C-alpha cells in the first residue's frame, strides 16, 4: 500500500444491491467506531466552532448514513439548551431507512444526491463525516464549493488521515471485533482513500475557499472548518 497517494479502489458500500440488513449492521458498527475512537467528539468540535454563541441553529449533514452524527449533535444541543433543527441527506435509501429508525431525533431525512437538494432556507451549518474520501478530487472541489455556497455560517468536514498506522490499526481492530464484511473491507480502504494535510490545503485553495482551518485530531482524523467571514460577528 502506497500511502503517498490516495487509493481510488471502490468501497463495497458504494456498490449496488447490498442487502438491507448488511447495511444496517454496517451503520451500527460505524456508530460504535465513531463513539469509541472519538469521531463524534470531532464532529462536535467542528459544530461548536461554527455555532459560536448562537442559541438557535439549523444543521445539515450530507452523506448522513445512519444518522449517528446528527444524533450526537442533537444530544449535545439538548444538554446545552440549544434550539436546533436537522436535515440529513443520503443518496442511499437504505441508509435513510436506518436513520429513520432513530425515534429520538426529529429530522428531515432526504433520499437524494446532495447536489440536487433545493433548500427552502439555507442551513446555518453544513457538514460531512467520513464522506469526502468517497470522491475523486474533481468532485471534491465541487462538493466543497457547494457546501460553502449553501451554508449561511460555514461548513466543516470530519474525515480520515491517510497513514500506515491508521490503516493497519483499523484493519486489525475490525478483523477482531467486527461482524460486518462491509466494515472489515471498507474501514481500512477508507483510510487509504483518505487525506494528508497538504491534500486539504490544495483542495480548499483550488476551490477558492480562503477562510478555513485544517486540524489533526485523534484518532487519525482531519477536522476542516470553513467559515463565512462576513458572519463572524455572531461568533465573537
Protein backbone atom coordinates (compact mmCIF):
# COMPACT_ATOMS: atom_id res chain seq x y z
CA UNK A 1 0.00 0.00 0.00
CA UNK A 2 1.47 3.34 -1.09
CA UNK A 3 0.30 5.98 1.40
CA UNK A 4 1.91 8.83 -0.52
CA UNK A 5 -1.08 8.87 -2.87
CA UNK A 6 -4.81 8.29 -2.41
CA UNK A 7 -6.36 4.97 -3.34
CA UNK A 8 -9.31 5.08 -5.74
CA UNK A 9 -10.44 1.50 -5.20
CA UNK A 10 -14.20 1.46 -4.76
CA UNK A 11 -15.61 0.61 -1.36
CA UNK A 12 -18.20 -2.15 -1.12
CA UNK A 13 -20.72 0.25 0.42
CA UNK A 14 -20.62 2.32 -2.78
CA UNK A 15 -21.88 -0.66 -4.77
CA UNK A 16 -25.44 -1.68 -5.57
CA UNK A 17 -27.70 -4.49 -4.34
CA UNK A 18 -26.36 -4.69 -0.78
CA UNK A 19 -28.95 -6.41 1.47
CA UNK A 20 -30.61 -4.02 3.89
CA UNK A 21 -29.60 -5.98 7.00
CA UNK A 22 -25.95 -5.77 5.92
CA UNK A 23 -26.24 -2.00 5.56
CA UNK A 24 -27.95 -1.73 8.95
CA UNK A 25 -25.16 -3.75 10.60
CA UNK A 26 -22.57 -1.58 8.85
CA UNK A 27 -24.22 1.65 10.03
CA UNK A 28 -24.48 0.41 13.62
CA UNK A 29 -20.83 -0.65 13.72
CA UNK A 30 -19.75 2.70 12.27
CA UNK A 31 -21.61 4.36 15.13
CA UNK A 32 -19.63 2.24 17.60
CA UNK A 33 -16.36 3.15 15.87
CA UNK A 34 -17.28 6.85 15.89
CA UNK A 35 -18.19 6.65 19.56
CA UNK A 36 -15.14 4.79 20.86
CA UNK A 37 -12.48 6.27 18.57
CA UNK A 38 -13.62 9.86 19.05
CA UNK A 39 -15.30 10.54 15.71
CA UNK A 40 -18.41 12.05 17.29
CA UNK A 41 -16.30 14.29 19.52
CA UNK A 42 -14.53 15.66 16.44
CA UNK A 43 -17.89 16.33 14.79
CA UNK A 44 -18.98 18.23 17.91
CA UNK A 45 -15.78 20.30 17.87
CA UNK A 46 -16.47 21.39 14.29
CA UNK A 47 -20.10 22.12 15.07
CA UNK A 48 -19.33 24.17 18.20
CA UNK A 49 -16.72 26.21 16.38
CA UNK A 50 -19.29 27.38 13.82
CA UNK A 51 -22.11 27.68 16.36
CA UNK A 52 -20.23 30.21 18.47
CA UNK A 53 -22.60 31.97 20.87
CA UNK A 54 -25.76 31.30 18.91
CA UNK A 55 -28.63 29.61 20.75
CA UNK A 56 -30.56 28.56 17.65
CA UNK A 57 -29.19 26.69 14.64
CA UNK A 58 -30.16 24.66 11.58
CA UNK A 59 -27.80 21.81 10.71
CA UNK A 60 -27.48 19.70 7.57
CA UNK A 61 -25.31 16.63 7.07
CA UNK A 62 -24.58 15.36 3.56
CA UNK A 63 -23.84 11.65 3.27
CA UNK A 64 -25.56 11.22 6.63
CA UNK A 65 -25.62 7.40 6.60
CA UNK A 66 -27.49 6.08 9.61
CA UNK A 67 -27.78 9.48 11.29
CA UNK A 68 -25.44 8.85 14.23
CA UNK A 69 -23.55 12.13 13.76
CA UNK A 70 -26.74 14.20 13.80
CA UNK A 71 -27.90 12.31 16.87
CA UNK A 72 -24.62 13.14 18.65
CA UNK A 73 -25.17 16.83 17.86
CA UNK A 74 -28.80 16.64 18.99
CA UNK A 75 -27.84 15.18 22.36
CA UNK A 76 -25.30 17.95 22.93
CA UNK A 77 -27.80 20.65 21.91
CA UNK A 78 -30.40 19.31 24.33
CA UNK A 79 -27.82 19.30 27.13
CA UNK A 80 -26.72 22.88 26.36
CA UNK A 81 -30.18 24.33 25.75
CA UNK A 82 -29.59 24.98 22.04
CA UNK A 83 -32.65 25.03 19.77
CA UNK A 84 -31.67 23.01 16.68
CA UNK A 85 -33.32 21.70 13.53
CA UNK A 86 -31.78 18.92 11.47
CA UNK A 87 -31.58 17.75 7.86
CA UNK A 88 -29.89 14.52 6.79
CA UNK A 89 -29.18 13.79 3.12
CA UNK A 90 -28.01 10.48 1.67
CA UNK A 91 -28.30 9.05 -1.83
CA UNK A 92 -28.77 5.51 -0.46
CA UNK A 93 -32.42 4.90 0.54
CA UNK A 94 -31.41 2.05 2.85
CA UNK A 95 -29.14 4.38 4.84
CA UNK A 96 -32.04 6.79 5.26
CA UNK A 97 -34.24 3.86 6.26
CA UNK A 98 -31.77 3.08 9.07
CA UNK A 99 -31.65 6.75 10.06
CA UNK A 100 -35.43 6.93 10.30
CA UNK A 101 -35.31 4.20 12.93
CA UNK A 102 -33.84 6.84 15.26
CA UNK A 103 -37.04 7.84 17.04
CA UNK A 104 -35.14 10.15 19.40
CA UNK A 105 -34.32 12.73 16.70
CA UNK A 106 -36.72 14.86 14.66
CA UNK A 107 -35.02 15.30 11.33
CA UNK A 108 -35.87 15.99 7.72
CA UNK A 109 -34.42 12.85 6.12
CA UNK A 110 -33.88 13.23 2.37
CA UNK A 111 -33.01 10.49 -0.13
CA UNK A 112 -31.10 12.36 -2.81
CA UNK A 113 -27.78 13.26 -4.31
CA UNK A 114 -26.93 16.26 -2.13
CA UNK A 115 -26.30 18.39 -5.25
CA UNK A 116 -29.95 18.03 -6.27
CA UNK A 117 -31.41 19.28 -2.99
CA UNK A 118 -33.08 22.69 -3.08
CA UNK A 119 -33.36 24.26 0.38
CA UNK A 120 -36.31 26.48 1.23
CA UNK A 121 -33.95 28.18 3.63
CA UNK A 122 -30.22 27.55 3.61
CA UNK A 123 -28.88 25.72 6.69
CA UNK A 124 -26.70 27.65 9.09
CA UNK A 125 -24.16 24.80 9.21
CA UNK A 126 -23.46 22.04 6.70
CA UNK A 127 -21.06 19.20 7.43
CA UNK A 128 -19.92 15.78 6.35
CA UNK A 129 -18.24 12.97 8.26
CA UNK A 130 -16.37 10.12 6.53
CA UNK A 131 -17.96 11.22 3.26
CA UNK A 132 -15.35 13.21 1.32
CA UNK A 133 -12.98 10.28 0.90
CA UNK A 134 -15.56 8.55 -1.32
CA UNK A 135 -14.91 11.10 -4.09
CA UNK A 136 -12.09 11.91 -6.53
CA UNK A 137 -10.56 15.37 -6.39
CA UNK A 138 -12.62 16.92 -9.19
CA UNK A 139 -15.87 16.01 -7.47
CA UNK A 140 -14.48 17.07 -4.11
CA UNK A 141 -13.77 20.57 -5.38
CA UNK A 142 -17.39 20.93 -6.46
CA UNK A 143 -18.57 19.46 -3.15
CA UNK A 144 -16.55 21.94 -1.07
CA UNK A 145 -17.83 24.84 -3.19
CA UNK A 146 -21.41 23.58 -2.83
CA UNK A 147 -21.13 23.47 0.96
CA UNK A 148 -19.56 26.92 1.03
CA UNK A 149 -22.34 28.35 -1.14
CA UNK A 150 -25.22 26.64 0.66
CA UNK A 151 -24.23 27.18 4.32
CA UNK A 152 -25.02 30.52 5.96
CA UNK A 153 -22.30 30.34 8.62
CA UNK A 154 -19.92 27.81 7.15
CA UNK A 155 -19.20 24.12 6.85
CA UNK A 156 -16.93 21.52 8.37
CA UNK A 157 -15.54 18.15 7.35
CA UNK A 158 -14.52 15.26 9.59
CA UNK A 159 -12.50 12.74 7.61
CA UNK A 160 -9.62 10.30 7.72
CA UNK A 161 -5.86 10.81 7.82
CA UNK A 162 -4.15 8.59 5.25
CA UNK A 163 -1.45 7.00 7.39
CA UNK A 164 0.00 3.46 7.72
CA UNK A 165 -0.62 3.30 11.48
CA UNK A 166 -4.29 4.23 10.97
CA UNK A 167 -4.62 1.71 8.13
CA UNK A 168 -3.10 -1.28 9.92
CA UNK A 169 -4.73 -0.46 13.27
CA UNK A 170 -8.28 -0.32 11.91
CA UNK A 171 -7.59 -3.39 9.79
CA UNK A 172 -6.65 -5.40 12.89
CA UNK A 173 -9.45 -3.98 15.05
CA UNK A 174 -12.18 -4.70 12.52
CA UNK A 175 -10.90 -8.21 11.87
CA UNK A 176 -11.00 -8.93 15.59
CA UNK A 177 -14.26 -7.25 16.56
CA UNK A 178 -16.43 -6.55 13.51
CA UNK A 179 -19.28 -8.79 12.38
CA UNK A 180 -19.73 -6.81 9.16
CA UNK A 181 -17.95 -7.77 5.96
CA UNK A 182 -18.59 -4.22 4.77
CA UNK A 183 -16.76 -2.73 7.74
CA UNK A 184 -13.90 -5.22 7.51
CA UNK A 185 -13.33 -4.38 3.85
CA UNK A 186 -14.18 -0.68 3.79
CA UNK A 187 -12.68 0.62 7.05
CA UNK A 188 -9.01 0.16 6.08
CA UNK A 189 -9.76 1.04 2.46
CA UNK A 190 -11.33 4.30 3.66
CA UNK A 191 -8.03 5.21 5.29
CA UNK A 192 -6.19 4.51 2.03
CA UNK A 193 -8.69 6.79 0.29
CA UNK A 194 -8.21 9.48 2.96
CA UNK A 195 -6.07 12.59 3.06
CA UNK A 196 -2.85 14.15 4.24
CA UNK A 197 -2.78 17.78 5.35
CA UNK A 198 -1.40 19.11 2.08
CA UNK A 199 -4.30 17.46 0.20
CA UNK A 200 -6.74 19.66 2.11
CA UNK A 201 -4.77 22.84 1.50
CA UNK A 202 -4.63 22.12 -2.21
CA UNK A 203 -8.34 21.27 -2.40
CA UNK A 204 -9.52 24.29 -0.41
CA UNK A 205 -7.28 26.71 -2.26
CA UNK A 206 -8.36 25.27 -5.62
CA UNK A 207 -12.00 25.62 -4.54
CA UNK A 208 -11.43 29.31 -3.85
CA UNK A 209 -12.12 28.95 -0.11
CA UNK A 210 -9.98 31.35 1.88
CA UNK A 211 -11.21 31.30 5.49
CA UNK A 212 -10.54 27.82 6.85
CA UNK A 213 -8.56 25.73 9.32
CA UNK A 214 -7.22 22.19 9.00
CA UNK A 215 -6.50 20.45 12.32
CA UNK A 216 -5.34 16.92 13.08
CA UNK A 217 -7.41 15.08 15.67
CA UNK A 218 -7.07 11.75 17.41
CA UNK A 219 -7.56 9.06 16.19
CA UNK A 220 -6.10 9.94 12.77
CA UNK A 221 -8.75 12.37 11.62
CA UNK A 222 -8.75 15.77 9.98
CA UNK A 223 -11.17 18.46 11.07
CA UNK A 224 -11.62 21.06 8.34
CA UNK A 225 -13.67 24.13 9.27
CA UNK A 226 -14.53 26.81 6.69
CA UNK A 227 -16.44 29.84 7.94
CA UNK A 228 -18.23 32.64 6.18
CA UNK A 229 -16.07 35.68 7.04
CA UNK A 230 -19.00 38.08 6.64
CA UNK A 231 -20.91 36.45 9.50
CA UNK A 232 -18.25 36.28 12.21
CA UNK A 233 -19.77 38.99 14.41
CA UNK A 234 -22.12 36.45 15.99
CA UNK A 235 -19.20 34.19 16.81
CA UNK A 236 -17.05 36.67 18.69
